[in-house]
């Protein structure tokens, strides 16, 4: 990841722009995820649990939306 210094740009804004680009590209999250080995079964289990939590949140949100209308 590289960021060029723009004319008249301060070091702080350059660093801020760099951090924003790094977060957008997902480099840090990939690094953190790959820091330790996670077996395929463990990864599947985590993905499934995350999907279940997401579905429950969506269902609760939908339920709250429909009960508010009545």
C-alpha atoms as a PDB file:
ATOM      1  CA  UNK A   1       0.000   0.000   0.000  1.00  0.00           C
ATOM      2  CA  UNK A   2       1.496   3.314  -1.030  1.00  0.00           C
ATOM      3  CA  UNK A   3       0.259   6.873  -0.693  1.00  0.00           C
ATOM      4  CA  UNK A   4       1.900   9.818  -2.456  1.00  0.00           C
ATOM      5  CA  UNK A   5       2.397  13.099  -0.609  1.00  0.00           C
ATOM      6  CA  UNK A   6       0.294  15.786  -2.263  1.00  0.00           C
ATOM      7  CA  UNK A   7       1.689  19.319  -2.639  1.00  0.00           C
ATOM      8  CA  UNK A   8       1.061  21.274   0.542  1.00  0.00           C
ATOM      9  CA  UNK A   9      -0.272  18.229   2.398  1.00  0.00           C
ATOM     10  CA  UNK A  10       0.674  17.783   6.036  1.00  0.00           C
ATOM     11  CA  UNK A  11       2.160  14.588   7.450  1.00  0.00           C
ATOM     12  CA  UNK A  12      -0.918  14.099   9.636  1.00  0.00           C
ATOM     13  CA  UNK A  13      -3.337  14.174   6.713  1.00  0.00           C
ATOM     14  CA  UNK A  14      -1.045  11.876   4.713  1.00  0.00           C
ATOM     15  CA  UNK A  15      -1.030   9.380   7.575  1.00  0.00           C
ATOM     16  CA  UNK A  16      -4.804   9.691   7.955  1.00  0.00           C
ATOM     17  CA  UNK A  17      -5.278   9.016   4.235  1.00  0.00           C
ATOM     18  CA  UNK A  18      -2.910   6.033   4.418  1.00  0.00           C
ATOM     19  CA  UNK A  19      -4.800   4.512   7.354  1.00  0.00           C
ATOM     20  CA  UNK A  20      -8.100   5.008   5.534  1.00  0.00           C
ATOM     21  CA  UNK A  21      -6.765   3.238   2.435  1.00  0.00           C
ATOM     22  CA  UNK A  22      -5.389   0.368   4.530  1.00  0.00           C
ATOM     23  CA  UNK A  23      -8.746  -0.087   6.273  1.00  0.00           C
ATOM     24  CA  UNK A  24     -10.617   0.045   2.958  1.00  0.00           C
ATOM     25  CA  UNK A  25      -8.350  -2.561   1.351  1.00  0.00           C
ATOM     26  CA  UNK A  26      -8.774  -4.982   4.266  1.00  0.00           C
ATOM     27  CA  UNK A  27      -5.047  -5.693   4.644  1.00  0.00           C
ATOM     28  CA  UNK A  28      -5.081  -5.463   8.439  1.00  0.00           C
ATOM     29  CA  UNK A  29      -8.156  -7.623   8.911  1.00  0.00           C
ATOM     30  CA  UNK A  30      -6.655 -10.271   6.619  1.00  0.00           C
ATOM     31  CA  UNK A  31      -3.394 -10.171   8.558  1.00  0.00           C
ATOM     32  CA  UNK A  32      -5.157 -10.472  11.899  1.00  0.00           C
ATOM     33  CA  UNK A  33      -7.281 -13.351  10.647  1.00  0.00           C
ATOM     34  CA  UNK A  34      -4.262 -15.248   9.316  1.00  0.00           C
ATOM     35  CA  UNK A  35      -2.093 -14.643  12.383  1.00  0.00           C
ATOM     36  CA  UNK A  36      -3.116 -18.008  13.822  1.00  0.00           C
ATOM     37  CA  UNK A  37      -4.029 -21.143  11.952  1.00  0.00           C
ATOM     38  CA  UNK A  38      -7.739 -21.933  11.992  1.00  0.00           C
ATOM     39  CA  UNK A  39      -8.877 -25.316  10.714  1.00  0.00           C
ATOM     40  CA  UNK A  40     -11.489 -25.490   7.970  1.00  0.00           C
ATOM     41  CA  UNK A  41     -14.072 -27.012  10.308  1.00  0.00           C
ATOM     42  CA  UNK A  42     -13.514 -24.246  12.863  1.00  0.00           C
ATOM     43  CA  UNK A  43     -13.823 -21.616  10.157  1.00  0.00           C
ATOM     44  CA  UNK A  44     -17.088 -23.174   8.912  1.00  0.00           C
ATOM     45  CA  UNK A  45     -18.440 -23.311  12.466  1.00  0.00           C
ATOM     46  CA  UNK A  46     -17.624 -19.635  13.036  1.00  0.00           C
ATOM     47  CA  UNK A  47     -19.131 -18.619   9.696  1.00  0.00           C
ATOM     48  CA  UNK A  48     -22.309 -20.571  10.458  1.00  0.00           C
ATOM     49  CA  UNK A  49     -22.620 -19.041  13.941  1.00  0.00           C
ATOM     50  CA  UNK A  50     -22.116 -15.569  12.459  1.00  0.00           C
ATOM     51  CA  UNK A  51     -24.827 -16.213   9.846  1.00  0.00           C
ATOM     52  CA  UNK A  52     -27.223 -17.415  12.551  1.00  0.00           C
ATOM     53  CA  UNK A  53     -26.597 -14.297  14.667  1.00  0.00           C
ATOM     54  CA  UNK A  54     -27.113 -12.093  11.615  1.00  0.00           C
ATOM     55  CA  UNK A  55     -30.376 -13.851  10.718  1.00  0.00           C
ATOM     56  CA  UNK A  56     -31.664 -13.508  14.284  1.00  0.00           C
ATOM     57  CA  UNK A  57     -30.813  -9.799  14.347  1.00  0.00           C
ATOM     58  CA  UNK A  58     -32.563  -9.323  11.011  1.00  0.00           C
ATOM     59  CA  UNK A  59     -35.606 -11.241  12.233  1.00  0.00           C
ATOM     60  CA  UNK A  60     -35.760  -9.214  15.453  1.00  0.00           C
ATOM     61  CA  UNK A  61     -35.447  -5.979  13.498  1.00  0.00           C
ATOM     62  CA  UNK A  62     -38.227  -7.066  11.130  1.00  0.00           C
ATOM     63  CA  UNK A  63     -40.408  -8.082  14.081  1.00  0.00           C
ATOM     64  CA  UNK A  64     -39.857  -4.716  15.760  1.00  0.00           C
ATOM     65  CA  UNK A  65     -40.696  -2.915  12.520  1.00  0.00           C
ATOM     66  CA  UNK A  66     -43.978  -4.804  12.048  1.00  0.00           C
ATOM     67  CA  UNK A  67     -45.118  -4.414  15.672  1.00  0.00           C
ATOM     68  CA  UNK A  68     -44.419  -0.671  15.546  1.00  0.00           C
ATOM     69  CA  UNK A  69     -46.815  -0.197  12.626  1.00  0.00           C
ATOM     70  CA  UNK A  70     -49.791  -1.673  14.466  1.00  0.00           C
END
